[in-house]
């Protein structure tokens, strides 16, 4: 089988909950997870570049808020209040296409008890494929490819699963690690060795066990794992060279070995390739995001083509 990691709503997919009351609205100069929540919404609406979700309310975030305020006929102050938050939510909805997914489930919870959510699109009974993104919380670009896969015309020829955010705690904090300073992509039980950030033992992290259990359940033919910032499709000991070729061509990325500087131990793709007949591969965006239109449009369609899917024509 094949496996790829909107409303519920697009906001729920790509950002933590926003400020609860007027007193808690972030202010200029503040750095917090609440700021990052607003930034993630501005990114999803196309008003802020995807690399600018660092959690600091600076000039570029203020300028993006002003653009939303002008769009929705509010005073362009760059300050957050209830009307502006409503406008930002409206902007996200306006940028969100019709959903392709027909099933949503919480497949587990993070160390801090945030839900880890999988979405199913495509056609049941077809080859199962999967896309996973945001394994590292500060590597947030891949979730917009996930958004593209979950929006638009219906998907055909594959049974597609998407996990847009595997590390919701890290995304909320713009942090690579899980609790305990564990790197999720060094915690899988294949060639695991104890080093800084690998965890006390293999599969010690709750998030590792959640995705292992899910992968064992669906056993995809293809598993595409999104990272950044090395700007390449992995060519190191890949299980399906054709998959790598198709991804590299469609995404306009070079192929090169992603060996983690010799420290690739206990990664998800290594573990999956060793235990299942399907093929897993890593894709890395660069350090600067492509446009939202490119990531959710051209790049999402390139991934879909590479894993054997297609969009339905018209309203079929």
Foldseek 3Di string as FASTA:
>chain_A
DAEAAPPCAPLVLFADDEDDAFVPFDDAQDFALNQLSLVRLLQLLQLAFPLPSQRHRYDSQLVSLLVLCVVVVHPSPSGDDDVSVVSSSVSNRVSAAAFQFDDKDFLFAFPVGHTFMKTKGEDPPAAHHHHEEALFQLFQQLLLLVSLLGHDFGKYRYTYMHGSHLANVRVSNSGRAGPVQARLFQQAPFQHDDDGRNDPHHPPGPSNVSVVVVCVVRVGQEYEYEGDAPFEKAPPPWPDVLLRVLLCVQVVTYYDHDCVVVPRHRGPQVVSVVPGNHTYIYGYHHSGHDRSCCSSPSNSQSNQVSSPMHGDPDRD
